[in-house]
């Protein structure tokens, strides 16, 4: 029986707290870019709505994409790599209840660890 690898969130904590090397975090606009970045040696990724919305729509990040669209795209990116992926929830796409919904939606489907 093989051992389960540590969650990506634990790996991210290790990367953040190490003292011997700076952690460079890149922003892939798509899952294909994420795979290239991982193969090139990137240790962690960041997905923000600005880069994702711009890559898919060519528009500014002014509420163009819904929370569901942003979470879905971030999920595709996270599913395509084995390294940690940080998502910028931005404003949470609304008031406090929308932020709560986003926080609860992110871990669903095994894409993100809590």
C-alpha atoms as a PDB file:
ATOM      1  CA  UNK A   1       0.000   0.000   0.000  1.00  0.00           C
ATOM      2  CA  UNK A   2       1.489   3.362  -1.005  1.00  0.00           C
ATOM      3  CA  UNK A   3       1.578   6.287   1.353  1.00  0.00           C
ATOM      4  CA  UNK A   4      -0.663   9.244   0.586  1.00  0.00           C
ATOM      5  CA  UNK A   5       1.396  12.311  -0.351  1.00  0.00           C
ATOM      6  CA  UNK A   6       1.146  15.299   1.986  1.00  0.00           C
ATOM      7  CA  UNK A   7      -1.527  17.856   1.055  1.00  0.00           C
ATOM      8  CA  UNK A   8      -0.380  20.685  -1.176  1.00  0.00           C
ATOM      9  CA  UNK A   9      -1.211  23.147   1.607  1.00  0.00           C
ATOM     10  CA  UNK A  10       1.405  21.486   3.853  1.00  0.00           C
ATOM     11  CA  UNK A  11       3.935  21.691   1.032  1.00  0.00           C
ATOM     12  CA  UNK A  12       3.106  25.394   0.601  1.00  0.00           C
ATOM     13  CA  UNK A  13       3.744  26.037   4.305  1.00  0.00           C
ATOM     14  CA  UNK A  14       7.147  24.365   3.989  1.00  0.00           C
ATOM     15  CA  UNK A  15       7.999  26.415   0.907  1.00  0.00           C
ATOM     16  CA  UNK A  16       6.914  29.680   2.531  1.00  0.00           C
ATOM     17  CA  UNK A  17       8.892  29.115   5.724  1.00  0.00           C
ATOM     18  CA  UNK A  18      12.160  27.859   4.281  1.00  0.00           C
ATOM     19  CA  UNK A  19      15.126  30.181   4.718  1.00  0.00           C
ATOM     20  CA  UNK A  20      17.576  28.920   2.111  1.00  0.00           C
ATOM     21  CA  UNK A  21      15.694  29.843  -1.067  1.00  0.00           C
ATOM     22  CA  UNK A  22      13.176  32.454  -2.180  1.00  0.00           C
ATOM     23  CA  UNK A  23       9.800  31.109  -3.284  1.00  0.00           C
ATOM     24  CA  UNK A  24       8.841  32.461  -6.690  1.00  0.00           C
ATOM     25  CA  UNK A  25       5.113  32.102  -7.359  1.00  0.00           C
ATOM     26  CA  UNK A  26       3.973  32.436 -10.967  1.00  0.00           C
ATOM     27  CA  UNK A  27       0.500  33.232 -12.358  1.00  0.00           C
ATOM     28  CA  UNK A  28      -0.646  30.830 -15.093  1.00  0.00           C
ATOM     29  CA  UNK A  29      -3.648  32.092 -17.054  1.00  0.00           C
ATOM     30  CA  UNK A  30      -4.518  28.547 -18.203  1.00  0.00           C
ATOM     31  CA  UNK A  31      -3.951  24.919 -17.194  1.00  0.00           C
ATOM     32  CA  UNK A  32      -1.591  24.453 -20.149  1.00  0.00           C
ATOM     33  CA  UNK A  33       0.575  27.318 -18.892  1.00  0.00           C
ATOM     34  CA  UNK A  34       0.468  25.832 -15.381  1.00  0.00           C
ATOM     35  CA  UNK A  35       1.854  22.524 -16.646  1.00  0.00           C
ATOM     36  CA  UNK A  36       4.666  24.297 -18.476  1.00  0.00           C
ATOM     37  CA  UNK A  37       5.513  26.331 -15.375  1.00  0.00           C
ATOM     38  CA  UNK A  38       5.565  23.208 -13.190  1.00  0.00           C
ATOM     39  CA  UNK A  39       7.801  21.334 -15.666  1.00  0.00           C
ATOM     40  CA  UNK A  40      10.131  24.359 -15.727  1.00  0.00           C
ATOM     41  CA  UNK A  41      10.598  24.063 -11.960  1.00  0.00           C
ATOM     42  CA  UNK A  42       8.038  26.452 -10.515  1.00  0.00           C
ATOM     43  CA  UNK A  43       7.140  25.340  -6.981  1.00  0.00           C
ATOM     44  CA  UNK A  44       3.824  27.158  -6.469  1.00  0.00           C
ATOM     45  CA  UNK A  45       1.253  28.996  -8.567  1.00  0.00           C
ATOM     46  CA  UNK A  46      -1.109  31.903  -8.011  1.00  0.00           C
ATOM     47  CA  UNK A  47      -4.441  32.254  -9.803  1.00  0.00           C
ATOM     48  CA  UNK A  48      -6.010  35.695  -9.703  1.00  0.00           C
ATOM     49  CA  UNK A  49      -9.115  36.834 -11.486  1.00  0.00           C
ATOM     50  CA  UNK A  50      -7.262  39.581 -13.364  1.00  0.00           C
ATOM     51  CA  UNK A  51      -5.015  37.214 -15.280  1.00  0.00           C
ATOM     52  CA  UNK A  52      -7.673  34.587 -15.782  1.00  0.00           C
ATOM     53  CA  UNK A  53     -10.365  37.003 -16.979  1.00  0.00           C
ATOM     54  CA  UNK A  54      -7.908  38.731 -19.292  1.00  0.00           C
ATOM     55  CA  UNK A  55      -6.682  35.437 -20.754  1.00  0.00           C
ATOM     56  CA  UNK A  56     -10.154  34.095 -21.467  1.00  0.00           C
ATOM     57  CA  UNK A  57     -12.125  37.224 -22.350  1.00  0.00           C
ATOM     58  CA  UNK A  58      -9.587  39.896 -23.252  1.00  0.00           C
ATOM     59  CA  UNK A  59     -11.444  42.220 -20.891  1.00  0.00           C
ATOM     60  CA  UNK A  60     -10.411  44.015 -17.722  1.00  0.00           C
ATOM     61  CA  UNK A  61     -11.081  42.450 -14.342  1.00  0.00           C
ATOM     62  CA  UNK A  62     -14.131  44.518 -13.423  1.00  0.00           C
ATOM     63  CA  UNK A  63     -16.549  41.782 -12.415  1.00  0.00           C
ATOM     64  CA  UNK A  64     -16.601  40.289 -15.910  1.00  0.00           C
ATOM     65  CA  UNK A  65     -16.427  36.690 -14.660  1.00  0.00           C
ATOM     66  CA  UNK A  66     -18.686  35.222 -11.989  1.00  0.00           C
ATOM     67  CA  UNK A  67     -17.413  33.517  -8.851  1.00  0.00           C
ATOM     68  CA  UNK A  68     -18.404  30.148 -10.295  1.00  0.00           C
ATOM     69  CA  UNK A  69     -16.458  30.809 -13.499  1.00  0.00           C
ATOM     70  CA  UNK A  70     -13.354  31.920 -11.572  1.00  0.00           C
ATOM     71  CA  UNK A  71     -13.496  28.909  -9.227  1.00  0.00           C
ATOM     72  CA  UNK A  72     -14.002  26.545 -12.174  1.00  0.00           C
ATOM     73  CA  UNK A  73     -11.023  27.928 -14.090  1.00  0.00           C
ATOM     74  CA  UNK A  74      -8.846  27.896 -10.947  1.00  0.00           C
ATOM     75  CA  UNK A  75      -9.929  24.291 -10.407  1.00  0.00           C
ATOM     76  CA  UNK A  76      -8.845  23.314 -13.909  1.00  0.00           C
ATOM     77  CA  UNK A  77      -5.477  24.908 -13.253  1.00  0.00           C
ATOM     78  CA  UNK A  78      -5.097  23.226  -9.844  1.00  0.00           C
ATOM     79  CA  UNK A  79      -6.137  19.845 -11.260  1.00  0.00           C
ATOM     80  CA  UNK A  80      -3.489  20.068 -13.977  1.00  0.00           C
ATOM     81  CA  UNK A  81      -0.497  20.255 -11.614  1.00  0.00           C
ATOM     82  CA  UNK A  82       0.787  18.658  -8.427  1.00  0.00           C
ATOM     83  CA  UNK A  83       2.265  21.827  -6.899  1.00  0.00           C
ATOM     84  CA  UNK A  84       0.337  24.198  -4.595  1.00  0.00           C
ATOM     85  CA  UNK A  85      -2.046  26.680  -6.229  1.00  0.00           C
ATOM     86  CA  UNK A  86      -3.123  29.822  -4.392  1.00  0.00           C
ATOM     87  CA  UNK A  87      -6.363  31.450  -5.542  1.00  0.00           C
ATOM     88  CA  UNK A  88      -7.067  35.134  -5.095  1.00  0.00           C
ATOM     89  CA  UNK A  89     -10.725  35.328  -4.131  1.00  0.00           C
ATOM     90  CA  UNK A  90     -10.539  39.033  -4.879  1.00  0.00           C
ATOM     91  CA  UNK A  91     -13.545  40.689  -3.288  1.00  0.00           C
ATOM     92  CA  UNK A  92     -15.342  37.378  -2.914  1.00  0.00           C
ATOM     93  CA  UNK A  93     -17.694  38.479  -5.685  1.00  0.00           C
ATOM     94  CA  UNK A  94     -20.037  40.370  -3.410  1.00  0.00           C
ATOM     95  CA  UNK A  95     -20.835  40.920   0.238  1.00  0.00           C
ATOM     96  CA  UNK A  96     -20.041  38.744   3.238  1.00  0.00           C
ATOM     97  CA  UNK A  97     -22.422  35.959   2.213  1.00  0.00           C
ATOM     98  CA  UNK A  98     -20.774  35.731  -1.216  1.00  0.00           C
ATOM     99  CA  UNK A  99     -17.354  35.559   0.456  1.00  0.00           C
ATOM    100  CA  UNK A 100     -18.616  32.773   2.731  1.00  0.00           C
ATOM    101  CA  UNK A 101     -19.978  30.907  -0.304  1.00  0.00           C
ATOM    102  CA  UNK A 102     -16.667  31.255  -2.133  1.00  0.00           C
ATOM    103  CA  UNK A 103     -14.673  29.956   0.840  1.00  0.00           C
ATOM    104  CA  UNK A 104     -16.997  26.957   1.079  1.00  0.00           C
ATOM    105  CA  UNK A 105     -16.956  26.337  -2.681  1.00  0.00           C
ATOM    106  CA  UNK A 106     -13.168  26.254  -3.126  1.00  0.00           C
ATOM    107  CA  UNK A 107     -12.428  22.977  -1.291  1.00  0.00           C
ATOM    108  CA  UNK A 108     -15.204  21.098  -3.094  1.00  0.00           C
ATOM    109  CA  UNK A 109     -14.156  18.361  -5.446  1.00  0.00           C
ATOM    110  CA  UNK A 110     -10.695  17.866  -3.955  1.00  0.00           C
ATOM    111  CA  UNK A 111      -9.242  20.745  -5.915  1.00  0.00           C
ATOM    112  CA  UNK A 112      -8.149  22.699  -2.866  1.00  0.00           C
ATOM    113  CA  UNK A 113      -7.175  21.724   0.651  1.00  0.00           C
ATOM    114  CA  UNK A 114      -8.625  23.583   3.607  1.00  0.00           C
END
